Amino acid sequence: MTVRAYILIQTEVGRASSVVDAIRGIPGVLGADDVTGPYDVIVQAEAGTVDELGKMVVSQVQRVEGITRTLTCPIVNL
């Protein structure tokens, strides 16, 4: 069973579109969209385990130039 999550991202002013373009190329990313509100980008991602998801966020997503903060929200099936 895979682990899916939404990753909420704040970017530097004017960088949301370039962040979306870069993130869409990361393996495990199902979708990435520019949004309005307190976050600039919302990403849907999946990985085999919670640890793999965390590694993807830290080693790949957070290294994208223009990102200032991320918040990872794992999806739960109640």
PDB file of N, CA and C in Angstrom:
ATOM      1  N   MET A   1       0.842  -1.186   0.000  1.00  0.00           N
ATOM      2  CA  MET A   1       0.000   0.000   0.000  1.00  0.00           C
ATOM      3  C   MET A   1       0.889   1.253   0.000  1.00  0.00           C
ATOM      4  N   THR A   2       0.584   2.177  -0.845  1.00  0.00           N
ATOM      5  CA  THR A   2       1.383   3.401  -0.920  1.00  0.00           C
ATOM      6  C   THR A   2       0.859   4.450   0.060  1.00  0.00           C
ATOM      7  N   VAL A   3       1.740   5.368   0.395  1.00  0.00           N
ATOM      8  CA  VAL A   3       1.396   6.493   1.251  1.00  0.00           C
ATOM      9  C   VAL A   3       1.252   7.707   0.346  1.00  0.00           C
ATOM     10  N   ARG A   4       0.123   8.403   0.467  1.00  0.00           N
ATOM     11  CA  ARG A   4      -0.089   9.621  -0.319  1.00  0.00           C
ATOM     12  C   ARG A   4      -0.179  10.803   0.611  1.00  0.00           C
ATOM     13  N   ALA A   5       0.191  11.980   0.095  1.00  0.00           N
ATOM     14  CA  ALA A   5       0.161  13.191   0.926  1.00  0.00           C
ATOM     15  C   ALA A   5      -0.024  14.407   0.052  1.00  0.00           C
ATOM     16  N   TYR A   6      -0.510  15.472   0.679  1.00  0.00           N
ATOM     17  CA  TYR A   6      -0.506  16.797   0.082  1.00  0.00           C
ATOM     18  C   TYR A   6       0.666  17.546   0.695  1.00  0.00           C
ATOM     19  N   ILE A   7       1.419  18.227  -0.127  1.00  0.00           N
ATOM     20  CA  ILE A   7       2.530  19.044   0.342  1.00  0.00           C
ATOM     21  C   ILE A   7       2.168  20.487   0.045  1.00  0.00           C
ATOM     22  N   LEU A   8       2.010  21.286   1.088  1.00  0.00           N
ATOM     23  CA  LEU A   8       1.660  22.691   0.958  1.00  0.00           C
ATOM     24  C   LEU A   8       2.958  23.488   0.966  1.00  0.00           C
ATOM     25  N   ILE A   9       3.114  24.374  -0.005  1.00  0.00           N
ATOM     26  CA  ILE A   9       4.398  25.045  -0.203  1.00  0.00           C
ATOM     27  C   ILE A   9       4.223  26.554  -0.256  1.00  0.00           C
ATOM     28  N   GLN A  10       5.093  27.245   0.477  1.00  0.00           N
ATOM     29  CA  GLN A  10       5.213  28.692   0.359  1.00  0.00           C
ATOM     30  C   GLN A  10       6.469  28.968  -0.458  1.00  0.00           C
ATOM     31  N   THR A  11       6.365  29.955  -1.361  1.00  0.00           N
ATOM     32  CA  THR A  11       7.496  30.276  -2.229  1.00  0.00           C
ATOM     33  C   THR A  11       7.887  31.740  -2.072  1.00  0.00           C
ATOM     34  N   GLU A  12       9.034  32.071  -2.620  1.00  0.00           N
ATOM     35  CA  GLU A  12       9.421  33.468  -2.733  1.00  0.00           C
ATOM     36  C   GLU A  12       8.424  34.145  -3.674  1.00  0.00           C
ATOM     37  N   VAL A  13       8.226  35.439  -3.528  1.00  0.00           N
ATOM     38  CA  VAL A  13       7.283  36.185  -4.358  1.00  0.00           C
ATOM     39  C   VAL A  13       7.650  36.002  -5.841  1.00  0.00           C
ATOM     40  N   GLY A  14       6.648  35.646  -6.627  1.00  0.00           N
ATOM     41  CA  GLY A  14       6.833  35.501  -8.066  1.00  0.00           C
ATOM     42  C   GLY A  14       7.463  34.194  -8.519  1.00  0.00           C
ATOM     43  N   ARG A  15       7.663  33.241  -7.599  1.00  0.00           N
ATOM     44  CA  ARG A  15       8.351  31.999  -7.956  1.00  0.00           C
ATOM     45  C   ARG A  15       7.431  30.784  -8.043  1.00  0.00           C
ATOM     46  N   ALA A  16       6.144  30.930  -7.784  1.00  0.00           N
ATOM     47  CA  ALA A  16       5.246  29.770  -7.729  1.00  0.00           C
ATOM     48  C   ALA A  16       5.252  28.967  -9.024  1.00  0.00           C
ATOM     49  N   SER A  17       5.173  29.617 -10.164  1.00  0.00           N
ATOM     50  CA  SER A  17       5.113  28.893 -11.439  1.00  0.00           C
ATOM     51  C   SER A  17       6.381  28.103 -11.711  1.00  0.00           C
ATOM     52  N   SER A  18       7.539  28.685 -11.425  1.00  0.00           N
ATOM     53  CA  SER A  18       8.786  27.955 -11.660  1.00  0.00           C
ATOM     54  C   SER A  18       8.938  26.795 -10.678  1.00  0.00           C
ATOM     55  N   VAL A  19       8.437  26.958  -9.459  1.00  0.00           N
ATOM     56  CA  VAL A  19       8.463  25.872  -8.483  1.00  0.00           C
ATOM     57  C   VAL A  19       7.578  24.724  -8.959  1.00  0.00           C
ATOM     58  N   VAL A  20       6.379  25.038  -9.439  1.00  0.00           N
ATOM     59  CA  VAL A  20       5.476  24.001  -9.959  1.00  0.00           C
ATOM     60  C   VAL A  20       6.145  23.243 -11.104  1.00  0.00           C
ATOM     61  N   ASP A  21       6.738  23.958 -12.039  1.00  0.00           N
ATOM     62  CA  ASP A  21       7.391  23.308 -13.181  1.00  0.00           C
ATOM     63  C   ASP A  21       8.486  22.353 -12.714  1.00  0.00           C
ATOM     64  N   ALA A  22       9.284  22.769 -11.741  1.00  0.00           N
ATOM     65  CA  ALA A  22      10.373  21.925 -11.246  1.00  0.00           C
ATOM     66  C   ALA A  22       9.843  20.710 -10.490  1.00  0.00           C
ATOM     67  N   ILE A  23       8.825  20.901  -9.683  1.00  0.00           N
ATOM     68  CA  ILE A  23       8.310  19.807  -8.852  1.00  0.00           C
ATOM     69  C   ILE A  23       7.606  18.755  -9.688  1.00  0.00           C
ATOM     70  N   ARG A  24       6.967  19.143 -10.748  1.00  0.00           N
ATOM     71  CA  ARG A  24       6.266  18.160 -11.590  1.00  0.00           C
ATOM     72  C   ARG A  24       7.210  17.098 -12.147  1.00  0.00           C
ATOM     73  N   GLY A  25       8.498  17.381 -12.206  1.00  0.00           N
ATOM     74  CA  GLY A  25       9.466  16.414 -12.716  1.00  0.00           C
ATOM     75  C   GLY A  25      10.025  15.464 -11.666  1.00  0.00           C
ATOM     76  N   ILE A  26       9.619  15.592 -10.419  1.00  0.00           N
ATOM     77  CA  ILE A  26      10.135  14.733  -9.351  1.00  0.00           C
ATOM     78  C   ILE A  26       9.349  13.422  -9.327  1.00  0.00           C
ATOM     79  N   PRO A  27      10.051  12.277  -9.343  1.00  0.00           N
ATOM     80  CA  PRO A  27       9.348  10.990  -9.251  1.00  0.00           C
ATOM     81  C   PRO A  27       8.517  10.906  -7.975  1.00  0.00           C
ATOM     82  N   GLY A  28       7.291  10.416  -8.097  1.00  0.00           N
ATOM     83  CA  GLY A  28       6.379  10.311  -6.962  1.00  0.00           C
ATOM     84  C   GLY A  28       5.394  11.454  -6.870  1.00  0.00           C
ATOM     85  N   VAL A  29       5.623  12.516  -7.627  1.00  0.00           N
ATOM     86  CA  VAL A  29       4.691  13.642  -7.639  1.00  0.00           C
ATOM     87  C   VAL A  29       3.551  13.312  -8.604  1.00  0.00           C
ATOM     88  N   LEU A  30       2.337  13.323  -8.092  1.00  0.00           N
ATOM     89  CA  LEU A  30       1.156  13.021  -8.904  1.00  0.00           C
ATOM     90  C   LEU A  30       0.590  14.270  -9.559  1.00  0.00           C
ATOM     91  N   GLY A  31       0.803  15.424  -8.926  1.00  0.00           N
ATOM     92  CA  GLY A  31       0.303  16.678  -9.461  1.00  0.00           C
ATOM     93  C   GLY A  31       0.818  17.839  -8.643  1.00  0.00           C
ATOM     94  N   ALA A  32       0.900  19.003  -9.275  1.00  0.00           N
ATOM     95  CA  ALA A  32       1.335  20.220  -8.588  1.00  0.00           C
ATOM     96  C   ALA A  32       0.598  21.394  -9.216  1.00  0.00           C
ATOM     97  N   ASP A  33       0.042  22.254  -8.377  1.00  0.00           N
ATOM     98  CA  ASP A  33      -0.749  23.379  -8.865  1.00  0.00           C
ATOM     99  C   ASP A  33      -0.435  24.650  -8.094  1.00  0.00           C
ATOM    100  N   ASP A  34      -0.450  25.784  -8.808  1.00  0.00           N
ATOM    101  CA  ASP A  34      -0.400  27.105  -8.181  1.00  0.00           C
ATOM    102  C   ASP A  34      -1.763  27.350  -7.536  1.00  0.00           C
ATOM    103  N   VAL A  35      -1.771  27.918  -6.342  1.00  0.00           N
ATOM    104  CA  VAL A  35      -3.022  28.239  -5.660  1.00  0.00           C
ATOM    105  C   VAL A  35      -2.900  29.619  -5.022  1.00  0.00           C
ATOM    106  N   THR A  36      -4.029  30.148  -4.552  1.00  0.00           N
ATOM    107  CA  THR A  36      -4.015  31.403  -3.811  1.00  0.00           C
ATOM    108  C   THR A  36      -4.282  31.094  -2.345  1.00  0.00           C
ATOM    109  N   GLY A  37      -3.959  32.026  -1.474  1.00  0.00           N
ATOM    110  CA  GLY A  37      -4.163  31.830  -0.046  1.00  0.00           C
ATOM    111  C   GLY A  37      -2.836  31.820   0.678  1.00  0.00           C
ATOM    112  N   PRO A  38      -2.792  31.187   1.860  1.00  0.00           N
ATOM    113  CA  PRO A  38      -1.563  31.210   2.644  1.00  0.00           C
ATOM    114  C   PRO A  38      -0.424  30.389   2.024  1.00  0.00           C
ATOM    115  N   TYR A  39      -0.758  29.477   1.124  1.00  0.00           N
ATOM    116  CA  TYR A  39       0.260  28.693   0.414  1.00  0.00           C
ATOM    117  C   TYR A  39       0.209  29.056  -1.058  1.00  0.00           C
ATOM    118  N   ASP A  40       1.323  28.873  -1.744  1.00  0.00           N
ATOM    119  CA  ASP A  40       1.440  29.247  -3.151  1.00  0.00           C
ATOM    120  C   ASP A  40       1.318  28.061  -4.092  1.00  0.00           C
ATOM    121  N   VAL A  41       1.668  26.875  -3.605  1.00  0.00           N
ATOM    122  CA  VAL A  41       1.662  25.658  -4.418  1.00  0.00           C
ATOM    123  C   VAL A  41       1.142  24.516  -3.556  1.00  0.00           C
ATOM    124  N   ILE A  42       0.314  23.649  -4.158  1.00  0.00           N
ATOM    125  CA  ILE A  42      -0.102  22.411  -3.499  1.00  0.00           C
ATOM    126  C   ILE A  42       0.306  21.257  -4.401  1.00  0.00           C
ATOM    127  N   VAL A  43       0.962  20.274  -3.781  1.00  0.00           N
ATOM    128  CA  VAL A  43       1.471  19.101  -4.499  1.00  0.00           C
ATOM    129  C   VAL A  43       0.794  17.866  -3.937  1.00  0.00           C
ATOM    130  N   GLN A  44       0.431  16.928  -4.815  1.00  0.00           N
ATOM    131  CA  GLN A  44      -0.017  15.618  -4.359  1.00  0.00           C
ATOM    132  C   GLN A  44       1.088  14.638  -4.724  1.00  0.00           C
ATOM    133  N   ALA A  45       1.535  13.863  -3.727  1.00  0.00           N
ATOM    134  CA  ALA A  45       2.653  12.955  -3.936  1.00  0.00           C
ATOM    135  C   ALA A  45       2.346  11.602  -3.326  1.00  0.00           C
ATOM    136  N   GLU A  46       3.124  10.592  -3.759  1.00  0.00           N
ATOM    137  CA  GLU A  46       2.985   9.264  -3.173  1.00  0.00           C
ATOM    138  C   GLU A  46       4.355   8.605  -3.081  1.00  0.00           C
ATOM    139  N   ALA A  47       4.463   7.693  -2.120  1.00  0.00           N
ATOM    140  CA  ALA A  47       5.687   6.927  -1.924  1.00  0.00           C
ATOM    141  C   ALA A  47       5.300   5.594  -1.292  1.00  0.00           C
ATOM    142  N   GLY A  48       6.255   4.682  -1.244  1.00  0.00           N
ATOM    143  CA  GLY A  48       5.984   3.354  -0.698  1.00  0.00           C
ATOM    144  C   GLY A  48       5.776   3.340   0.799  1.00  0.00           C
ATOM    145  N   THR A  49       6.476   4.223   1.517  1.00  0.00           N
ATOM    146  CA  THR A  49       6.371   4.285   2.977  1.00  0.00           C
ATOM    147  C   THR A  49       6.407   5.745   3.418  1.00  0.00           C
ATOM    148  N   VAL A  50       6.068   5.983   4.671  1.00  0.00           N
ATOM    149  CA  VAL A  50       6.153   7.327   5.231  1.00  0.00           C
ATOM    150  C   VAL A  50       7.604   7.814   5.204  1.00  0.00           C
ATOM    151  N   ASP A  51       8.542   6.913   5.498  1.00  0.00           N
ATOM    152  CA  ASP A  51       9.957   7.291   5.464  1.00  0.00           C
ATOM    153  C   ASP A  51      10.386   7.712   4.066  1.00  0.00           C
ATOM    154  N   GLU A  52       9.969   6.974   3.042  1.00  0.00           N
ATOM    155  CA  GLU A  52      10.305   7.337   1.662  1.00  0.00           C
ATOM    156  C   GLU A  52       9.690   8.676   1.283  1.00  0.00           C
ATOM    157  N   LEU A  53       8.472   8.908   1.743  1.00  0.00           N
ATOM    158  CA  LEU A  53       7.819  10.189   1.484  1.00  0.00           C
ATOM    159  C   LEU A  53       8.612  11.326   2.124  1.00  0.00           C
ATOM    160  N   GLY A  54       9.013  11.132   3.370  1.00  0.00           N
ATOM    161  CA  GLY A  54       9.812  12.145   4.062  1.00  0.00           C
ATOM    162  C   GLY A  54      11.132  12.407   3.359  1.00  0.00           C
ATOM    163  N   LYS A  55      11.784  11.356   2.897  1.00  0.00           N
ATOM    164  CA  LYS A  55      13.046  11.515   2.173  1.00  0.00           C
ATOM    165  C   LYS A  55      12.848  12.295   0.882  1.00  0.00           C
ATOM    166  N   MET A  56      11.747  12.012   0.171  1.00  0.00           N
ATOM    167  CA  MET A  56      11.461  12.736  -1.068  1.00  0.00           C
ATOM    168  C   MET A  56      11.274  14.227  -0.773  1.00  0.00           C
ATOM    169  N   VAL A  57      10.528  14.539   0.270  1.00  0.00           N
ATOM    170  CA  VAL A  57      10.281  15.947   0.600  1.00  0.00           C
ATOM    171  C   VAL A  57      11.587  16.646   0.957  1.00  0.00           C
ATOM    172  N   VAL A  58      12.377  16.037   1.817  1.00  0.00           N
ATOM    173  CA  VAL A  58      13.607  16.683   2.290  1.00  0.00           C
ATOM    174  C   VAL A  58      14.692  16.722   1.215  1.00  0.00           C
ATOM    175  N   SER A  59      14.881  15.622   0.485  1.00  0.00           N
ATOM    176  CA  SER A  59      16.009  15.553  -0.438  1.00  0.00           C
ATOM    177  C   SER A  59      15.701  16.074  -1.835  1.00  0.00           C
ATOM    178  N   GLN A  60      14.417  16.183  -2.193  1.00  0.00           N
ATOM    179  CA  GLN A  60      14.097  16.630  -3.541  1.00  0.00           C
ATOM    180  C   GLN A  60      13.211  17.872  -3.565  1.00  0.00           C
ATOM    181  N   VAL A  61      12.070  17.811  -2.905  1.00  0.00           N
ATOM    182  CA  VAL A  61      11.128  18.931  -2.963  1.00  0.00           C
ATOM    183  C   VAL A  61      11.736  20.183  -2.324  1.00  0.00           C
ATOM    184  N   GLN A  62      12.251  20.063  -1.105  1.00  0.00           N
ATOM    185  CA  GLN A  62      12.756  21.241  -0.403  1.00  0.00           C
ATOM    186  C   GLN A  62      14.002  21.843  -1.044  1.00  0.00           C
ATOM    187  N   ARG A  63      14.620  21.134  -1.942  1.00  0.00           N
ATOM    188  CA  ARG A  63      15.812  21.656  -2.628  1.00  0.00           C
ATOM    189  C   ARG A  63      15.475  22.463  -3.874  1.00  0.00           C
ATOM    190  N   VAL A  64      14.203  22.506  -4.244  1.00  0.00           N
ATOM    191  CA  VAL A  64      13.793  23.295  -5.408  1.00  0.00           C
ATOM    192  C   VAL A  64      13.987  24.772  -5.086  1.00  0.00           C
ATOM    193  N   GLU A  65      14.658  25.461  -5.971  1.00  0.00           N
ATOM    194  CA  GLU A  65      14.943  26.877  -5.757  1.00  0.00           C
ATOM    195  C   GLU A  65      13.644  27.686  -5.724  1.00  0.00           C
ATOM    196  N   GLY A  66      13.522  28.555  -4.729  1.00  0.00           N
ATOM    197  CA  GLY A  66      12.354  29.419  -4.608  1.00  0.00           C
ATOM    198  C   GLY A  66      11.396  29.012  -3.507  1.00  0.00           C
ATOM    199  N   ILE A  67      11.582  27.807  -2.938  1.00  0.00           N
ATOM    200  CA  ILE A  67      10.716  27.354  -1.846  1.00  0.00           C
ATOM    201  C   ILE A  67      11.225  27.919  -0.525  1.00  0.00           C
ATOM    202  N   THR A  68      10.299  28.462   0.269  1.00  0.00           N
ATOM    203  CA  THR A  68      10.681  28.981   1.582  1.00  0.00           C
ATOM    204  C   THR A  68      10.192  28.099   2.730  1.00  0.00           C
ATOM    205  N   ARG A  69       9.102  27.353   2.517  1.00  0.00           N
ATOM    206  CA  ARG A  69       8.554  26.512   3.596  1.00  0.00           C
ATOM    207  C   ARG A  69       7.643  25.445   3.001  1.00  0.00           C
ATOM    208  N   THR A  70       7.654  24.255   3.626  1.00  0.00           N
ATOM    209  CA  THR A  70       6.736  23.193   3.219  1.00  0.00           C
ATOM    210  C   THR A  70       5.993  22.659   4.436  1.00  0.00           C
ATOM    211  N   LEU A  71       4.820  22.112   4.185  1.00  0.00           N
ATOM    212  CA  LEU A  71       4.032  21.434   5.201  1.00  0.00           C
ATOM    213  C   LEU A  71       3.477  20.177   4.555  1.00  0.00           C
ATOM    214  N   THR A  72       3.865  19.007   5.053  1.00  0.00           N
ATOM    215  CA  THR A  72       3.438  17.746   4.468  1.00  0.00           C
ATOM    216  C   THR A  72       2.257  17.196   5.260  1.00  0.00           C
ATOM    217  N   CYS A  73       1.161  16.878   4.541  1.00  0.00           N
ATOM    218  CA  CYS A  73      -0.074  16.399   5.160  1.00  0.00           C
ATOM    219  C   CYS A  73      -0.402  15.010   4.597  1.00  0.00           C
ATOM    220  N   PRO A  74       0.000  13.944   5.283  1.00  0.00           N
ATOM    221  CA  PRO A  74      -0.317  12.590   4.802  1.00  0.00           C
ATOM    222  C   PRO A  74      -1.830  12.366   4.766  1.00  0.00           C
ATOM    223  N   ILE A  75      -2.272  11.654   3.756  1.00  0.00           N
ATOM    224  CA  ILE A  75      -3.688  11.326   3.620  1.00  0.00           C
ATOM    225  C   ILE A  75      -3.981  10.105   4.472  1.00  0.00           C
ATOM    226  N   VAL A  76      -5.044  10.163   5.265  1.00  0.00           N
ATOM    227  CA  VAL A  76      -5.460   9.034   6.089  1.00  0.00           C
ATOM    228  C   VAL A  76      -6.776   8.504   5.582  1.00  0.00           C
ATOM    229  N   ASN A  77      -6.963   7.198   5.711  1.00  0.00           N
ATOM    230  CA  ASN A  77      -8.220   6.554   5.318  1.00  0.00           C
ATOM    231  C   ASN A  77      -8.941   6.147   6.588  1.00  0.00           C
ATOM    232  N   LEU A  78      -9.952   6.933   6.955  1.00  0.00           N
ATOM    233  CA  LEU A  78     -10.681   6.668   8.200  1.00  0.00           C
ATOM    234  C   LEU A  78     -11.811   5.706   7.973  1.00  0.00           C
TER     235      LEU A  78
END
